[in-house]
Amino acid sequence: MEVGMRFVKIITIVMAVMIVVGTTVVVVVIARRLGVPAAATAPIEVLLDEPAGTQIAGIATVGDRLAVHLEGGGAGRVVLLDARTGAVTGRIVVRAGGE
């Protein structure tokens, strides 16, 4: 009977150590993931071929795109840019009166 109790005590101690080690590993992994700053992206430079007098009226993010609202130099328009590369991915032009 004493051999059986000794075995139960050893198993209990081993499981307790495994729980403490496992909990520590989980806490450390979570702390590292929360503590790592997001990877800094390299700044991009974009040259938009727009008419003289064009001004940026606003910028918004749309998923992984930037929507740049342009005014002046013609009809109002929105240029869609890839946020990572700066490439123009689309244009939305607003024409008054169904021109």
C-alpha atoms as a PDB file:
ATOM      1  CA  MET A   1       0.000   0.000   0.000  1.00  0.00           C
ATOM      2  CA  GLU A   2       2.831   2.393   0.825  1.00  0.00           C
ATOM      3  CA  VAL A   3       4.408   1.818  -2.618  1.00  0.00           C
ATOM      4  CA  GLY A   4       1.132   2.825  -4.259  1.00  0.00           C
ATOM      5  CA  MET A   5       0.906   6.050  -2.217  1.00  0.00           C
ATOM      6  CA  ARG A   6       4.513   6.916  -2.990  1.00  0.00           C
ATOM      7  CA  PHE A   7       3.764   6.495  -6.712  1.00  0.00           C
ATOM      8  CA  VAL A   8       0.704   8.771  -6.434  1.00  0.00           C
ATOM      9  CA  LYS A   9       2.782  11.439  -4.641  1.00  0.00           C
ATOM     10  CA  ILE A  10       5.498  11.339  -7.325  1.00  0.00           C
ATOM     11  CA  ILE A  11       2.948  11.561 -10.142  1.00  0.00           C
ATOM     12  CA  THR A  12       1.201  14.472  -8.370  1.00  0.00           C
ATOM     13  CA  ILE A  13       4.477  16.377  -7.966  1.00  0.00           C
ATOM     14  CA  VAL A  14       5.440  15.749 -11.615  1.00  0.00           C
ATOM     15  CA  MET A  15       2.025  17.000 -12.819  1.00  0.00           C
ATOM     16  CA  ALA A  16       2.261  20.096 -10.602  1.00  0.00           C
ATOM     17  CA  VAL A  17       5.693  20.917 -12.031  1.00  0.00           C
ATOM     18  CA  MET A  18       4.379  20.408 -15.572  1.00  0.00           C
ATOM     19  CA  ILE A  19       1.457  22.765 -14.880  1.00  0.00           C
ATOM     20  CA  VAL A  20       3.783  25.466 -13.505  1.00  0.00           C
ATOM     21  CA  VAL A  21       6.212  25.111 -16.434  1.00  0.00           C
ATOM     22  CA  GLY A  22       3.399  25.086 -19.007  1.00  0.00           C
ATOM     23  CA  THR A  23       1.756  28.164 -17.492  1.00  0.00           C
ATOM     24  CA  THR A  24       5.090  29.972 -17.448  1.00  0.00           C
ATOM     25  CA  VAL A  25       5.706  29.163 -21.115  1.00  0.00           C
ATOM     26  CA  VAL A  26       2.240  30.433 -22.092  1.00  0.00           C
ATOM     27  CA  VAL A  27       2.706  33.690 -20.134  1.00  0.00           C
ATOM     28  CA  VAL A  28       6.153  34.292 -21.646  1.00  0.00           C
ATOM     29  CA  VAL A  29       4.909  33.674 -25.210  1.00  0.00           C
ATOM     30  CA  ILE A  30       1.963  36.047 -24.725  1.00  0.00           C
ATOM     31  CA  ALA A  31       4.216  38.721 -23.191  1.00  0.00           C
ATOM     32  CA  ARG A  32       6.672  38.488 -26.094  1.00  0.00           C
ATOM     33  CA  ARG A  33       3.944  38.743 -28.717  1.00  0.00           C
ATOM     34  CA  LEU A  34       2.372  41.753 -27.011  1.00  0.00           C
ATOM     35  CA  GLY A  35       5.710  43.440 -26.401  1.00  0.00           C
ATOM     36  CA  VAL A  36       7.031  43.217 -29.954  1.00  0.00           C
ATOM     37  CA  PRO A  37       6.295  46.414 -31.859  1.00  0.00           C
ATOM     38  CA  ALA A  38       4.823  46.074 -35.321  1.00  0.00           C
ATOM     39  CA  ALA A  39       7.459  45.852 -38.007  1.00  0.00           C
ATOM     40  CA  ALA A  40       8.272  49.308 -39.248  1.00  0.00           C
ATOM     41  CA  THR A  41       7.466  49.703 -42.887  1.00  0.00           C
ATOM     42  CA  ALA A  42       9.774  51.589 -45.157  1.00  0.00           C
ATOM     43  CA  PRO A  43       8.373  54.963 -46.161  1.00  0.00           C
ATOM     44  CA  ILE A  44       7.075  55.138 -49.703  1.00  0.00           C
ATOM     45  CA  GLU A  45       7.173  58.063 -52.069  1.00  0.00           C
ATOM     46  CA  VAL A  46       4.375  58.411 -54.604  1.00  0.00           C
ATOM     47  CA  LEU A  47       4.254  60.839 -57.494  1.00  0.00           C
ATOM     48  CA  LEU A  48       0.707  61.260 -58.783  1.00  0.00           C
ATOM     49  CA  ASP A  49       0.477  62.551 -62.334  1.00  0.00           C
ATOM     50  CA  GLU A  50      -2.264  65.113 -61.694  1.00  0.00           C
ATOM     51  CA  PRO A  51      -3.036  68.503 -63.292  1.00  0.00           C
ATOM     52  CA  ALA A  52      -1.658  71.733 -61.833  1.00  0.00           C
ATOM     53  CA  GLY A  53      -3.762  73.115 -59.002  1.00  0.00           C
ATOM     54  CA  THR A  54      -4.647  69.685 -57.614  1.00  0.00           C
ATOM     55  CA  GLN A  55      -4.723  69.457 -53.831  1.00  0.00           C
ATOM     56  CA  ILE A  56      -5.189  66.564 -51.452  1.00  0.00           C
ATOM     57  CA  ALA A  57      -8.542  67.066 -49.715  1.00  0.00           C
ATOM     58  CA  GLY A  58      -8.312  63.931 -47.571  1.00  0.00           C
ATOM     59  CA  ILE A  59      -6.805  60.492 -47.109  1.00  0.00           C
ATOM     60  CA  ALA A  60      -8.499  57.377 -45.729  1.00  0.00           C
ATOM     61  CA  THR A  61      -7.561  53.724 -45.410  1.00  0.00           C
ATOM     62  CA  VAL A  62      -9.690  51.143 -47.182  1.00  0.00           C
ATOM     63  CA  GLY A  63      -8.448  47.683 -46.288  1.00  0.00           C
ATOM     64  CA  ASP A  64      -4.862  47.534 -47.540  1.00  0.00           C
ATOM     65  CA  ARG A  65      -5.408  50.551 -49.795  1.00  0.00           C
ATOM     66  CA  LEU A  66      -5.179  54.304 -49.321  1.00  0.00           C
ATOM     67  CA  ALA A  67      -7.983  56.407 -50.760  1.00  0.00           C
ATOM     68  CA  VAL A  68      -6.650  59.873 -51.619  1.00  0.00           C
ATOM     69  CA  HIS A  69      -9.381  62.460 -52.266  1.00  0.00           C
ATOM     70  CA  LEU A  70      -8.140  65.055 -54.766  1.00  0.00           C
ATOM     71  CA  GLU A  71      -9.755  68.404 -55.606  1.00  0.00           C
ATOM     72  CA  GLY A  72      -8.869  71.161 -58.054  1.00  0.00           C
ATOM     73  CA  GLY A  73      -7.271  70.774 -61.442  1.00  0.00           C
ATOM     74  CA  GLY A  74     -10.456  69.253 -62.846  1.00  0.00           C
ATOM     75  CA  ALA A  75     -13.268  67.109 -61.524  1.00  0.00           C
ATOM     76  CA  GLY A  76     -13.139  65.817 -57.959  1.00  0.00           C
ATOM     77  CA  ARG A  77     -11.641  62.367 -57.786  1.00  0.00           C
ATOM     78  CA  VAL A  78     -10.374  59.621 -55.513  1.00  0.00           C
ATOM     79  CA  VAL A  79      -7.145  57.778 -56.296  1.00  0.00           C
ATOM     80  CA  LEU A  80      -6.678  54.339 -54.736  1.00  0.00           C
ATOM     81  CA  LEU A  81      -3.098  53.428 -53.814  1.00  0.00           C
ATOM     82  CA  ASP A  82      -1.577  50.168 -52.608  1.00  0.00           C
ATOM     83  CA  ALA A  83      -0.418  51.039 -49.078  1.00  0.00           C
ATOM     84  CA  ARG A  84       2.708  48.856 -49.335  1.00  0.00           C
ATOM     85  CA  THR A  85       4.021  49.802 -52.760  1.00  0.00           C
ATOM     86  CA  GLY A  86       2.407  53.150 -53.523  1.00  0.00           C
ATOM     87  CA  ALA A  87       1.153  51.895 -56.888  1.00  0.00           C
ATOM     88  CA  VAL A  88      -2.080  53.377 -58.196  1.00  0.00           C
ATOM     89  CA  THR A  89      -4.674  50.589 -58.149  1.00  0.00           C
ATOM     90  CA  GLY A  90      -7.730  52.553 -59.193  1.00  0.00           C
ATOM     91  CA  ARG A  91      -9.405  55.916 -59.779  1.00  0.00           C
ATOM     92  CA  ILE A  92     -12.899  57.178 -59.037  1.00  0.00           C
ATOM     93  CA  VAL A  93     -13.881  60.357 -60.912  1.00  0.00           C
ATOM     94  CA  VAL A  94     -16.946  62.408 -60.034  1.00  0.00           C
ATOM     95  CA  ARG A  95     -18.367  64.364 -62.956  1.00  0.00           C
ATOM     96  CA  ALA A  96     -21.116  66.902 -62.326  1.00  0.00           C
ATOM     97  CA  GLY A  97     -24.319  66.689 -64.379  1.00  0.00           C
ATOM     98  CA  GLY A  98     -23.601  63.293 -65.952  1.00  0.00           C
ATOM     99  CA  GLU A  99     -20.879  64.591 -68.287  1.00  0.00           C
END
